[in-house]
Amino acid sequence: MKLYVYDHCPYCVRARMPFGLKGIDFQLEFFLNDDDDGPTALIGTKMVPILAKDDGTHMPESLDIVTFIDQNFGEPVLAPSANRPELIDWLANAALNPLTMPRWVQAPLAEFATAGGLAYFTAKKEELIGPFAAHLANSAELKEELNIKLVTLAAIIESPGAVNGTLSYDDILLFGHLRGITIVGGLEYPSKVRAYLDTLSEKSGVPLYGSMAID
């Protein structure tokens, strides 16, 4: 099987996780961010992640891919979401993009390997969140706000390997977004959050950005 992704994409991280959690071999392929033709040829639209299955068909949608892998390759390892209000609220209000997006474009990520890919992402996302330069200039305040939110998250995490104490779809959702903030240098991670990030990264095989973090 082959999984087409962008490295920075939280939804792509979701789709990558079950392969590592279950020890399933797969091939990881990265589209350039401005490549319309590649994904459109596979599923008719510009979207990632895309799973190329062994039968020659292609599956989009991150959670559909997660379910397909978990249900069809060995015993399932993911419990259903617990629908914890405090976790739902944290994910809805974390406001990570102003910190992460301006830094992803400065990192050596495959989807930004060309000037076209970099320019496409920058233009699209600045329409969404405003000028990257302004957010970088406001980094100190944004980091302070996120540090407070990380303290709140620490109280939600029940074990290093699972936010609810048992591996579940909530871990797919949380780690998918939380991994992205490791591109931000100078954050203060509570010990429970740091342990959760490190444990889920090791188990899922999805590396963190610590070595390329940008202040």
N, C-alpha and C. Protein backbone atom coordinates (compact mmCIF):
# COMPACT_ATOMS: atom_id res chain seq x y z
N MET A 1 0.83 -1.19 0.00
CA MET A 1 0.00 0.00 0.00
C MET A 1 0.87 1.25 0.00
N LYS A 2 0.31 2.30 -0.53
CA LYS A 2 1.01 3.57 -0.62
C LYS A 2 0.11 4.67 -0.07
N LEU A 3 0.68 5.54 0.76
CA LEU A 3 -0.08 6.64 1.35
C LEU A 3 0.51 7.95 0.86
N TYR A 4 -0.33 8.76 0.21
CA TYR A 4 0.08 10.06 -0.30
C TYR A 4 -0.30 11.14 0.72
N VAL A 5 0.65 12.00 1.06
CA VAL A 5 0.44 12.96 2.14
C VAL A 5 1.18 14.26 1.87
N TYR A 6 0.91 15.26 2.71
CA TYR A 6 1.83 16.36 3.01
C TYR A 6 2.38 16.08 4.40
N ASP A 7 3.63 16.42 4.63
CA ASP A 7 4.21 16.10 5.94
C ASP A 7 3.56 16.90 7.06
N HIS A 8 3.24 18.17 6.80
CA HIS A 8 2.73 19.04 7.88
C HIS A 8 1.28 18.75 8.23
N CYS A 9 0.54 18.12 7.34
CA CYS A 9 -0.91 18.03 7.41
C CYS A 9 -1.38 17.16 8.58
N PRO A 10 -2.14 17.72 9.53
CA PRO A 10 -2.62 16.92 10.67
C PRO A 10 -3.48 15.73 10.26
N TYR A 11 -4.25 15.89 9.19
CA TYR A 11 -5.10 14.80 8.73
C TYR A 11 -4.26 13.68 8.13
N CYS A 12 -3.13 14.05 7.54
CA CYS A 12 -2.21 13.04 7.02
C CYS A 12 -1.51 12.29 8.16
N VAL A 13 -1.20 13.01 9.23
CA VAL A 13 -0.63 12.35 10.41
C VAL A 13 -1.60 11.30 10.93
N ARG A 14 -2.88 11.65 10.99
CA ARG A 14 -3.89 10.67 11.41
C ARG A 14 -3.78 9.39 10.58
N ALA A 15 -3.73 9.56 9.26
CA ALA A 15 -3.73 8.40 8.37
C ALA A 15 -2.45 7.58 8.49
N ARG A 16 -1.34 8.21 8.85
CA ARG A 16 -0.07 7.49 9.02
C ARG A 16 -0.04 6.65 10.29
N MET A 17 -0.75 7.11 11.31
CA MET A 17 -0.60 6.51 12.63
C MET A 17 -0.92 5.02 12.71
N PRO A 18 -2.02 4.52 12.15
CA PRO A 18 -2.33 3.10 12.34
C PRO A 18 -1.31 2.16 11.72
N PHE A 19 -0.61 2.60 10.69
CA PHE A 19 0.43 1.75 10.11
C PHE A 19 1.52 1.48 11.13
N GLY A 20 1.97 2.52 11.82
CA GLY A 20 2.98 2.34 12.84
C GLY A 20 2.47 1.62 14.06
N LEU A 21 1.26 1.96 14.49
CA LEU A 21 0.69 1.34 15.68
C LEU A 21 0.53 -0.17 15.50
N LYS A 22 0.30 -0.61 14.26
CA LYS A 22 0.07 -2.03 13.99
C LYS A 22 1.24 -2.70 13.29
N GLY A 23 2.32 -1.96 13.04
CA GLY A 23 3.50 -2.55 12.41
C GLY A 23 3.25 -3.01 10.99
N ILE A 24 2.51 -2.22 10.22
CA ILE A 24 2.15 -2.58 8.85
C ILE A 24 3.06 -1.83 7.88
N ASP A 25 3.67 -2.56 6.96
CA ASP A 25 4.54 -1.94 5.96
C ASP A 25 3.71 -1.14 4.96
N PHE A 26 4.21 0.03 4.60
CA PHE A 26 3.56 0.84 3.57
C PHE A 26 4.59 1.80 3.00
N GLN A 27 4.26 2.38 1.86
CA GLN A 27 5.13 3.34 1.21
C GLN A 27 4.55 4.73 1.39
N LEU A 28 5.37 5.66 1.84
CA LEU A 28 4.93 7.03 2.08
C LEU A 28 5.38 7.90 0.91
N GLU A 29 4.44 8.61 0.30
CA GLU A 29 4.73 9.48 -0.83
C GLU A 29 4.24 10.89 -0.52
N PHE A 30 5.04 11.88 -0.89
CA PHE A 30 4.69 13.28 -0.62
C PHE A 30 4.37 14.00 -1.92
N PHE A 31 3.22 14.66 -1.96
CA PHE A 31 2.89 15.55 -3.06
C PHE A 31 3.48 16.93 -2.78
N LEU A 32 3.90 17.64 -3.82
CA LEU A 32 4.18 19.06 -3.69
C LEU A 32 2.88 19.78 -3.38
N ASN A 33 2.96 20.86 -2.63
CA ASN A 33 1.73 21.51 -2.20
C ASN A 33 0.94 22.13 -3.34
N ASP A 34 1.60 22.46 -4.44
CA ASP A 34 0.89 23.04 -5.58
C ASP A 34 0.57 22.02 -6.67
N ASP A 35 0.72 20.74 -6.37
CA ASP A 35 0.44 19.69 -7.35
C ASP A 35 -1.05 19.38 -7.36
N ASP A 36 -1.76 19.91 -8.33
CA ASP A 36 -3.17 19.60 -8.49
C ASP A 36 -3.38 18.29 -9.23
N ASP A 37 -2.52 18.03 -10.21
CA ASP A 37 -2.74 16.91 -11.12
C ASP A 37 -2.59 15.56 -10.42
N GLY A 38 -1.61 15.44 -9.51
CA GLY A 38 -1.35 14.15 -8.86
C GLY A 38 -2.56 13.62 -8.11
N PRO A 39 -3.05 14.34 -7.10
CA PRO A 39 -4.21 13.83 -6.37
C PRO A 39 -5.47 13.77 -7.23
N THR A 40 -5.65 14.72 -8.14
CA THR A 40 -6.85 14.71 -8.98
C THR A 40 -6.90 13.47 -9.85
N ALA A 41 -5.75 13.02 -10.32
CA ALA A 41 -5.71 11.81 -11.14
C ALA A 41 -6.13 10.58 -10.35
N LEU A 42 -5.95 10.61 -9.03
CA LEU A 42 -6.26 9.45 -8.19
C LEU A 42 -7.69 9.47 -7.67
N ILE A 43 -8.18 10.65 -7.23
CA ILE A 43 -9.51 10.69 -6.59
C ILE A 43 -10.42 11.78 -7.15
N GLY A 44 -9.96 12.49 -8.18
CA GLY A 44 -10.82 13.47 -8.81
C GLY A 44 -10.82 14.84 -8.19
N THR A 45 -9.99 15.07 -7.17
CA THR A 45 -9.91 16.37 -6.52
C THR A 45 -8.57 16.51 -5.83
N LYS A 46 -8.19 17.75 -5.49
CA LYS A 46 -6.94 18.01 -4.79
C LYS A 46 -7.18 17.84 -3.30
N MET A 47 -6.78 16.69 -2.77
CA MET A 47 -7.01 16.38 -1.36
C MET A 47 -5.99 15.34 -0.92
N VAL A 48 -5.53 15.47 0.30
CA VAL A 48 -4.73 14.42 0.95
C VAL A 48 -5.27 14.26 2.36
N PRO A 49 -5.03 13.09 2.97
CA PRO A 49 -4.28 11.93 2.48
C PRO A 49 -5.08 11.10 1.48
N ILE A 50 -4.34 10.29 0.72
CA ILE A 50 -4.94 9.32 -0.20
C ILE A 50 -4.23 7.99 0.01
N LEU A 51 -5.00 6.94 0.24
CA LEU A 51 -4.44 5.60 0.36
C LEU A 51 -4.62 4.86 -0.96
N ALA A 52 -3.51 4.42 -1.54
CA ALA A 52 -3.54 3.54 -2.71
C ALA A 52 -3.55 2.11 -2.20
N LYS A 53 -4.69 1.44 -2.32
CA LYS A 53 -4.85 0.09 -1.79
C LYS A 53 -4.26 -0.95 -2.73
N ASP A 54 -4.03 -2.13 -2.21
CA ASP A 54 -3.41 -3.20 -3.00
C ASP A 54 -4.28 -3.66 -4.15
N ASP A 55 -5.58 -3.39 -4.09
CA ASP A 55 -6.47 -3.80 -5.19
C ASP A 55 -6.54 -2.77 -6.31
N GLY A 56 -5.73 -1.71 -6.20
CA GLY A 56 -5.68 -0.70 -7.24
C GLY A 56 -6.64 0.46 -7.05
N THR A 57 -7.48 0.42 -6.02
CA THR A 57 -8.39 1.52 -5.74
C THR A 57 -7.74 2.53 -4.80
N HIS A 58 -8.36 3.70 -4.70
CA HIS A 58 -7.81 4.78 -3.89
C HIS A 58 -8.86 5.28 -2.90
N MET A 59 -8.43 5.52 -1.68
CA MET A 59 -9.33 5.94 -0.61
C MET A 59 -8.87 7.28 -0.05
N PRO A 60 -9.73 8.32 -0.07
CA PRO A 60 -9.42 9.58 0.62
C PRO A 60 -10.00 9.56 2.03
N GLU A 61 -9.93 10.69 2.70
CA GLU A 61 -10.51 10.91 4.03
C GLU A 61 -9.72 10.19 5.13
N SER A 62 -9.11 10.97 6.01
CA SER A 62 -8.17 10.43 6.99
C SER A 62 -8.79 9.38 7.90
N LEU A 63 -9.95 9.65 8.46
CA LEU A 63 -10.52 8.69 9.41
C LEU A 63 -11.05 7.45 8.71
N ASP A 64 -11.46 7.57 7.45
CA ASP A 64 -11.83 6.37 6.68
C ASP A 64 -10.61 5.48 6.50
N ILE A 65 -9.47 6.09 6.23
CA ILE A 65 -8.23 5.33 6.08
C ILE A 65 -7.85 4.67 7.40
N VAL A 66 -7.94 5.41 8.49
CA VAL A 66 -7.63 4.85 9.81
C VAL A 66 -8.50 3.63 10.09
N THR A 67 -9.79 3.76 9.86
CA THR A 67 -10.71 2.65 10.12
C THR A 67 -10.42 1.46 9.22
N PHE A 68 -10.14 1.71 7.96
CA PHE A 68 -9.83 0.62 7.03
C PHE A 68 -8.62 -0.17 7.50
N ILE A 69 -7.56 0.53 7.87
CA ILE A 69 -6.34 -0.15 8.31
C ILE A 69 -6.58 -0.87 9.63
N ASP A 70 -7.23 -0.22 10.57
CA ASP A 70 -7.41 -0.84 11.89
C ASP A 70 -8.33 -2.06 11.82
N GLN A 71 -9.34 -2.02 10.98
CA GLN A 71 -10.33 -3.10 10.95
C GLN A 71 -9.92 -4.27 10.06
N ASN A 72 -9.01 -4.05 9.13
CA ASN A 72 -8.74 -5.08 8.12
C ASN A 72 -7.36 -5.71 8.20
N PHE A 73 -6.53 -5.28 9.12
CA PHE A 73 -5.18 -5.83 9.24
C PHE A 73 -4.93 -6.20 10.69
N GLY A 74 -5.21 -7.44 11.03
CA GLY A 74 -5.07 -7.90 12.41
C GLY A 74 -6.20 -7.40 13.29
N GLU A 75 -6.05 -7.68 14.57
CA GLU A 75 -7.07 -7.25 15.52
C GLU A 75 -7.07 -5.72 15.66
N PRO A 76 -8.24 -5.10 15.74
CA PRO A 76 -8.29 -3.64 15.94
C PRO A 76 -7.58 -3.23 17.23
N VAL A 77 -6.92 -2.09 17.18
CA VAL A 77 -6.21 -1.59 18.36
C VAL A 77 -6.80 -0.28 18.88
N LEU A 78 -7.77 0.28 18.17
CA LEU A 78 -8.32 1.58 18.54
C LEU A 78 -9.72 1.45 19.11
N ALA A 79 -9.89 1.91 20.35
CA ALA A 79 -11.22 2.00 20.94
C ALA A 79 -11.96 3.19 20.34
N PRO A 80 -13.29 3.20 20.40
CA PRO A 80 -14.03 4.36 19.91
C PRO A 80 -13.68 5.62 20.69
N SER A 81 -13.98 6.76 20.11
CA SER A 81 -13.81 8.02 20.81
C SER A 81 -14.68 8.05 22.07
N ALA A 82 -14.13 8.61 23.13
CA ALA A 82 -14.89 8.75 24.38
C ALA A 82 -15.75 10.01 24.38
N ASN A 83 -15.56 10.86 23.36
CA ASN A 83 -16.34 12.11 23.27
C ASN A 83 -16.26 12.93 24.55
N ARG A 84 -15.05 13.04 25.10
CA ARG A 84 -14.86 13.82 26.31
C ARG A 84 -15.01 15.32 26.01
N PRO A 85 -15.93 16.00 26.67
CA PRO A 85 -16.15 17.42 26.36
C PRO A 85 -14.89 18.27 26.51
N GLU A 86 -14.07 17.97 27.51
CA GLU A 86 -12.88 18.78 27.73
C GLU A 86 -11.86 18.62 26.61
N LEU A 87 -11.77 17.42 26.02
CA LEU A 87 -10.86 17.20 24.90
C LEU A 87 -11.41 17.83 23.62
N ILE A 88 -12.70 17.67 23.40
CA ILE A 88 -13.34 18.30 22.24
C ILE A 88 -13.14 19.81 22.29
N ASP A 89 -13.31 20.39 23.47
CA ASP A 89 -13.15 21.83 23.64
C ASP A 89 -11.70 22.25 23.40
N TRP A 90 -10.75 21.46 23.90
CA TRP A 90 -9.34 21.81 23.72
C TRP A 90 -8.98 21.81 22.24
N LEU A 91 -9.38 20.78 21.53
CA LEU A 91 -9.07 20.70 20.10
C LEU A 91 -9.72 21.83 19.32
N ALA A 92 -10.92 22.21 19.72
CA ALA A 92 -11.65 23.25 18.99
C ALA A 92 -11.07 24.64 19.23
N ASN A 93 -10.40 24.83 20.36
CA ASN A 93 -9.98 26.18 20.75
C ASN A 93 -8.47 26.34 20.90
N ALA A 94 -7.70 25.37 20.46
CA ALA A 94 -6.25 25.45 20.65
C ALA A 94 -5.61 26.55 19.81
N ALA A 95 -6.18 26.87 18.64
CA ALA A 95 -5.68 27.97 17.79
C ALA A 95 -4.19 27.82 17.49
N LEU A 96 -3.83 26.72 16.87
CA LEU A 96 -2.43 26.40 16.62
C LEU A 96 -1.87 27.03 15.35
N ASN A 97 -2.73 27.33 14.38
CA ASN A 97 -2.26 27.72 13.05
C ASN A 97 -1.37 28.97 13.03
N PRO A 98 -1.65 30.02 13.79
CA PRO A 98 -0.78 31.19 13.73
C PRO A 98 0.66 30.91 14.17
N LEU A 99 0.85 29.89 14.98
CA LEU A 99 2.20 29.49 15.37
C LEU A 99 2.83 28.52 14.38
N THR A 100 2.05 27.55 13.93
CA THR A 100 2.63 26.47 13.13
C THR A 100 2.83 26.82 11.66
N MET A 101 1.83 27.41 11.04
CA MET A 101 1.90 27.62 9.58
C MET A 101 3.08 28.48 9.15
N PRO A 102 3.37 29.62 9.84
CA PRO A 102 4.52 30.43 9.41
C PRO A 102 5.86 29.72 9.59
N ARG A 103 5.89 28.68 10.41
CA ARG A 103 7.14 27.95 10.64
C ARG A 103 7.27 26.75 9.71
N TRP A 104 6.17 26.11 9.39
CA TRP A 104 6.25 24.98 8.46
C TRP A 104 6.91 25.40 7.15
N VAL A 105 6.61 26.60 6.67
CA VAL A 105 7.17 27.03 5.38
C VAL A 105 8.66 27.34 5.48
N GLN A 106 9.20 27.44 6.68
CA GLN A 106 10.63 27.66 6.86
C GLN A 106 11.39 26.35 7.08
N ALA A 107 10.67 25.25 7.20
CA ALA A 107 11.27 23.95 7.48
C ALA A 107 11.47 23.17 6.17
N PRO A 108 12.41 22.23 6.15
CA PRO A 108 12.69 21.46 4.94
C PRO A 108 11.68 20.33 4.73
N LEU A 109 10.43 20.68 4.50
CA LEU A 109 9.37 19.70 4.29
C LEU A 109 9.20 19.43 2.81
N ALA A 110 8.89 18.17 2.48
CA ALA A 110 8.88 17.74 1.08
C ALA A 110 7.88 18.51 0.24
N GLU A 111 6.73 18.86 0.80
CA GLU A 111 5.70 19.54 0.03
C GLU A 111 6.08 20.97 -0.34
N PHE A 112 7.12 21.50 0.32
CA PHE A 112 7.59 22.85 0.03
C PHE A 112 8.97 22.84 -0.63
N ALA A 113 9.30 21.76 -1.31
CA ALA A 113 10.63 21.61 -1.90
C ALA A 113 10.84 22.50 -3.12
N THR A 114 9.76 23.04 -3.68
CA THR A 114 9.87 23.94 -4.82
C THR A 114 9.30 25.30 -4.45
N ALA A 115 9.72 26.31 -5.20
CA ALA A 115 9.19 27.66 -4.96
C ALA A 115 7.68 27.70 -5.17
N GLY A 116 7.21 26.92 -6.14
CA GLY A 116 5.77 26.89 -6.42
C GLY A 116 4.97 26.31 -5.27
N GLY A 117 5.47 25.22 -4.70
CA GLY A 117 4.78 24.60 -3.57
C GLY A 117 4.73 25.52 -2.37
N LEU A 118 5.84 26.20 -2.13
CA LEU A 118 5.93 27.13 -1.00
C LEU A 118 5.00 28.33 -1.20
N ALA A 119 5.00 28.88 -2.40
CA ALA A 119 4.18 30.05 -2.67
C ALA A 119 2.69 29.72 -2.61
N TYR A 120 2.33 28.53 -3.09
CA TYR A 120 0.92 28.12 -3.08
C TYR A 120 0.39 28.04 -1.66
N PHE A 121 1.14 27.36 -0.79
CA PHE A 121 0.71 27.22 0.60
C PHE A 121 0.63 28.58 1.29
N THR A 122 1.66 29.39 1.09
CA THR A 122 1.70 30.69 1.76
C THR A 122 0.51 31.55 1.36
N ALA A 123 0.22 31.61 0.07
CA ALA A 123 -0.90 32.43 -0.40
C ALA A 123 -2.23 31.93 0.16
N LYS A 124 -2.44 30.62 0.12
CA LYS A 124 -3.70 30.05 0.60
C LYS A 124 -3.90 30.29 2.09
N LYS A 125 -2.85 30.06 2.86
CA LYS A 125 -2.99 30.12 4.31
C LYS A 125 -2.97 31.55 4.83
N GLU A 126 -2.28 32.45 4.14
CA GLU A 126 -2.35 33.85 4.56
C GLU A 126 -3.75 34.42 4.32
N GLU A 127 -4.45 33.92 3.32
CA GLU A 127 -5.85 34.29 3.15
C GLU A 127 -6.68 33.86 4.35
N LEU A 128 -6.28 32.75 4.96
CA LEU A 128 -7.03 32.17 6.08
C LEU A 128 -6.71 32.84 7.41
N ILE A 129 -5.41 33.05 7.70
CA ILE A 129 -5.02 33.51 9.04
C ILE A 129 -4.36 34.88 9.05
N GLY A 130 -4.09 35.45 7.88
CA GLY A 130 -3.40 36.72 7.82
C GLY A 130 -1.91 36.54 7.56
N PRO A 131 -1.17 37.65 7.42
CA PRO A 131 0.24 37.58 7.05
C PRO A 131 1.08 36.77 8.05
N PHE A 132 1.88 35.86 7.52
CA PHE A 132 2.75 35.06 8.38
C PHE A 132 3.69 35.95 9.19
N ALA A 133 4.20 37.01 8.56
CA ALA A 133 5.17 37.88 9.23
C ALA A 133 4.57 38.49 10.50
N ALA A 134 3.30 38.83 10.45
CA ALA A 134 2.66 39.42 11.63
C ALA A 134 2.56 38.42 12.77
N HIS A 135 2.27 37.18 12.44
CA HIS A 135 2.18 36.15 13.48
C HIS A 135 3.56 35.84 14.06
N LEU A 136 4.58 35.82 13.21
CA LEU A 136 5.93 35.60 13.71
C LEU A 136 6.35 36.73 14.64
N ALA A 137 5.97 37.94 14.30
CA ALA A 137 6.30 39.09 15.15
C ALA A 137 5.58 39.01 16.49
N ASN A 138 4.47 38.31 16.52
CA ASN A 138 3.67 38.17 17.74
C ASN A 138 3.94 36.84 18.45
N SER A 139 5.07 36.22 18.14
CA SER A 139 5.35 34.87 18.64
C SER A 139 5.33 34.78 20.16
N ALA A 140 5.88 35.75 20.84
CA ALA A 140 5.98 35.67 22.30
C ALA A 140 4.60 35.54 22.93
N GLU A 141 3.66 36.36 22.49
CA GLU A 141 2.31 36.32 23.04
C GLU A 141 1.61 35.02 22.66
N LEU A 142 1.77 34.59 21.41
CA LEU A 142 1.14 33.35 20.96
C LEU A 142 1.68 32.14 21.72
N LYS A 143 2.98 32.12 21.97
CA LYS A 143 3.58 31.01 22.72
C LYS A 143 3.08 31.00 24.16
N GLU A 144 2.97 32.18 24.75
CA GLU A 144 2.48 32.26 26.13
C GLU A 144 1.06 31.70 26.21
N GLU A 145 0.22 32.05 25.24
CA GLU A 145 -1.16 31.54 25.22
C GLU A 145 -1.18 30.03 25.06
N LEU A 146 -0.32 29.50 24.18
CA LEU A 146 -0.30 28.05 23.97
C LEU A 146 0.26 27.33 25.19
N ASN A 147 1.26 27.90 25.84
CA ASN A 147 1.79 27.27 27.05
C ASN A 147 0.69 27.07 28.10
N ILE A 148 -0.19 28.05 28.23
CA ILE A 148 -1.31 27.93 29.16
C ILE A 148 -2.24 26.80 28.73
N LYS A 149 -2.49 26.71 27.43
CA LYS A 149 -3.36 25.65 26.92
C LYS A 149 -2.72 24.27 27.10
N LEU A 150 -1.40 24.20 27.03
CA LEU A 150 -0.73 22.92 27.24
C LEU A 150 -0.86 22.45 28.69
N VAL A 151 -0.88 23.39 29.62
CA VAL A 151 -1.12 23.03 31.02
C VAL A 151 -2.52 22.45 31.17
N THR A 152 -3.48 23.05 30.49
CA THR A 152 -4.85 22.52 30.51
C THR A 152 -4.89 21.12 29.91
N LEU A 153 -4.17 20.92 28.81
CA LEU A 153 -4.14 19.61 28.17
C LEU A 153 -3.53 18.55 29.07
N ALA A 154 -2.51 18.92 29.83
CA ALA A 154 -1.85 17.95 30.72
C ALA A 154 -2.85 17.33 31.68
N ALA A 155 -3.81 18.12 32.13
CA ALA A 155 -4.81 17.60 33.06
C ALA A 155 -5.80 16.65 32.38
N ILE A 156 -5.86 16.69 31.06
CA ILE A 156 -6.76 15.84 30.29
C ILE A 156 -6.13 14.49 29.97
N ILE A 157 -4.81 14.47 29.82
CA ILE A 157 -4.09 13.25 29.42
C ILE A 157 -4.02 12.27 30.59
N GLU A 158 -4.50 11.06 30.37
CA GLU A 158 -4.57 10.07 31.45
C GLU A 158 -3.37 9.13 31.49
N SER A 159 -2.66 8.96 30.39
CA SER A 159 -1.46 8.12 30.40
C SER A 159 -0.55 8.54 29.26
N PRO A 160 0.75 8.22 29.33
CA PRO A 160 1.66 8.63 28.26
C PRO A 160 1.30 8.07 26.89
N GLY A 161 0.67 6.90 26.85
CA GLY A 161 0.38 6.26 25.58
C GLY A 161 -1.05 6.39 25.11
N ALA A 162 -1.89 7.11 25.86
CA ALA A 162 -3.29 7.22 25.47
C ALA A 162 -3.97 8.31 26.28
N VAL A 163 -4.60 9.25 25.59
CA VAL A 163 -5.20 10.38 26.29
C VAL A 163 -6.31 9.93 27.24
N ASN A 164 -7.01 8.84 26.89
CA ASN A 164 -8.08 8.32 27.75
C ASN A 164 -7.64 7.14 28.60
N GLY A 165 -6.36 6.80 28.55
CA GLY A 165 -5.86 5.63 29.27
C GLY A 165 -5.82 4.38 28.43
N THR A 166 -6.62 4.32 27.37
CA THR A 166 -6.65 3.23 26.40
C THR A 166 -6.58 3.83 25.01
N LEU A 167 -5.73 3.28 24.16
CA LEU A 167 -5.55 3.81 22.81
C LEU A 167 -6.89 3.87 22.08
N SER A 168 -7.19 5.02 21.47
CA SER A 168 -8.50 5.22 20.88
C SER A 168 -8.41 6.21 19.72
N TYR A 169 -9.56 6.41 19.08
CA TYR A 169 -9.64 7.42 18.02
C TYR A 169 -9.34 8.82 18.55
N ASP A 170 -9.51 9.04 19.83
CA ASP A 170 -9.16 10.35 20.38
C ASP A 170 -7.66 10.61 20.27
N ASP A 171 -6.85 9.56 20.34
CA ASP A 171 -5.41 9.73 20.16
C ASP A 171 -5.07 10.05 18.72
N ILE A 172 -5.82 9.48 17.78
CA ILE A 172 -5.63 9.82 16.38
C ILE A 172 -5.90 11.32 16.18
N LEU A 173 -6.96 11.81 16.77
CA LEU A 173 -7.32 13.22 16.63
C LEU A 173 -6.33 14.13 17.33
N LEU A 174 -5.97 13.79 18.57
CA LEU A 174 -5.12 14.68 19.36
C LEU A 174 -3.69 14.70 18.84
N PHE A 175 -3.08 13.54 18.66
CA PHE A 175 -1.69 13.53 18.21
C PHE A 175 -1.58 14.11 16.80
N GLY A 176 -2.60 13.90 15.98
CA GLY A 176 -2.57 14.46 14.64
C GLY A 176 -2.35 15.96 14.63
N HIS A 177 -2.93 16.65 15.59
CA HIS A 177 -2.76 18.11 15.68
C HIS A 177 -1.58 18.49 16.58
N LEU A 178 -1.38 17.75 17.65
CA LEU A 178 -0.35 18.12 18.62
C LEU A 178 1.05 17.99 18.04
N ARG A 179 1.26 17.01 17.19
CA ARG A 179 2.57 16.83 16.57
C ARG A 179 3.02 18.09 15.83
N GLY A 180 2.06 18.80 15.23
CA GLY A 180 2.41 19.98 14.45
C GLY A 180 3.08 21.07 15.25
N ILE A 181 2.74 21.20 16.54
CA ILE A 181 3.31 22.30 17.32
C ILE A 181 4.77 22.06 17.67
N THR A 182 5.28 20.87 17.44
CA THR A 182 6.69 20.63 17.75
C THR A 182 7.61 21.35 16.77
N ILE A 183 7.04 21.99 15.73
CA ILE A 183 7.82 22.86 14.85
C ILE A 183 8.13 24.19 15.52
N VAL A 184 7.46 24.47 16.64
CA VAL A 184 7.59 25.75 17.33
C VAL A 184 8.63 25.62 18.44
N GLY A 185 9.71 26.35 18.32
CA GLY A 185 10.73 26.33 19.36
C GLY A 185 10.32 27.15 20.57
N GLY A 186 10.83 26.78 21.74
CA GLY A 186 10.64 27.59 22.93
C GLY A 186 9.34 27.40 23.67
N LEU A 187 8.57 26.37 23.32
CA LEU A 187 7.36 26.08 24.09
C LEU A 187 7.71 25.38 25.39
N GLU A 188 6.86 25.51 26.39
CA GLU A 188 7.06 24.87 27.68
C GLU A 188 6.07 23.72 27.81
N TYR A 189 6.58 22.51 27.61
CA TYR A 189 5.71 21.33 27.65
C TYR A 189 5.61 20.78 29.07
N PRO A 190 4.43 20.70 29.64
CA PRO A 190 4.28 19.95 30.89
C PRO A 190 4.75 18.52 30.68
N SER A 191 5.23 17.88 31.74
CA SER A 191 5.82 16.55 31.60
C SER A 191 4.85 15.55 30.99
N LYS A 192 3.57 15.64 31.32
CA LYS A 192 2.59 14.69 30.78
C LYS A 192 2.39 14.89 29.28
N VAL A 193 2.44 16.13 28.83
CA VAL A 193 2.29 16.40 27.40
C VAL A 193 3.54 15.94 26.65
N ARG A 194 4.71 16.22 27.22
CA ARG A 194 5.96 15.79 26.59
C ARG A 194 6.02 14.27 26.47
N ALA A 195 5.65 13.58 27.53
CA ALA A 195 5.67 12.11 27.51
C ALA A 195 4.67 11.57 26.50
N TYR A 196 3.51 12.21 26.41
CA TYR A 196 2.49 11.77 25.44
C TYR A 196 3.00 11.93 24.01
N LEU A 197 3.57 13.09 23.71
CA LEU A 197 4.11 13.31 22.38
C LEU A 197 5.18 12.28 22.03
N ASP A 198 6.12 12.08 22.93
CA ASP A 198 7.22 11.16 22.66
C ASP A 198 6.73 9.72 22.50
N THR A 199 5.79 9.32 23.34
CA THR A 199 5.29 7.94 23.30
C THR A 199 4.50 7.69 22.03
N LEU A 200 3.59 8.58 21.68
CA LEU A 200 2.78 8.40 20.47
C LEU A 200 3.62 8.49 19.21
N SER A 201 4.63 9.34 19.22
CA SER A 201 5.53 9.42 18.07
C SER A 201 6.26 8.10 17.87
N GLU A 202 6.78 7.54 18.96
CA GLU A 202 7.50 6.26 18.86
C GLU A 202 6.57 5.14 18.42
N LYS A 203 5.39 5.07 18.99
CA LYS A 203 4.47 3.98 18.66
C LYS A 203 3.93 4.08 17.24
N SER A 204 3.67 5.29 16.79
CA SER A 204 3.06 5.49 15.47
C SER A 204 4.08 5.55 14.35
N GLY A 205 5.34 5.80 14.70
CA GLY A 205 6.36 5.95 13.68
C GLY A 205 6.32 7.29 12.97
N VAL A 206 5.58 8.25 13.51
CA VAL A 206 5.51 9.59 12.93
C VAL A 206 6.45 10.50 13.72
N PRO A 207 7.55 10.94 13.11
CA PRO A 207 8.54 11.71 13.87
C PRO A 207 8.03 13.09 14.23
N LEU A 208 8.54 13.61 15.34
CA LEU A 208 8.27 14.98 15.75
C LEU A 208 9.21 15.93 15.01
N TYR A 209 8.98 17.21 15.17
CA TYR A 209 9.77 18.22 14.47
C TYR A 209 10.86 18.83 15.34
N GLY A 210 11.12 18.25 16.49
CA GLY A 210 12.04 18.87 17.44
C GLY A 210 13.36 19.30 16.85
N SER A 211 13.94 18.48 15.96
CA SER A 211 15.26 18.79 15.42
C SER A 211 15.23 19.97 14.46
N MET A 212 14.06 20.35 13.98
CA MET A 212 13.96 21.48 13.05
C MET A 212 13.07 22.59 13.59
N ALA A 213 12.84 22.59 14.91
CA ALA A 213 11.97 23.60 15.51
C ALA A 213 12.52 25.00 15.28
N ILE A 214 11.62 25.93 15.09
CA ILE A 214 11.97 27.31 14.76
C ILE A 214 11.39 28.23 15.83
N ASP A 215 12.26 29.04 16.44
CA ASP A 215 11.80 29.96 17.47
C ASP A 215 10.91 31.05 16.86
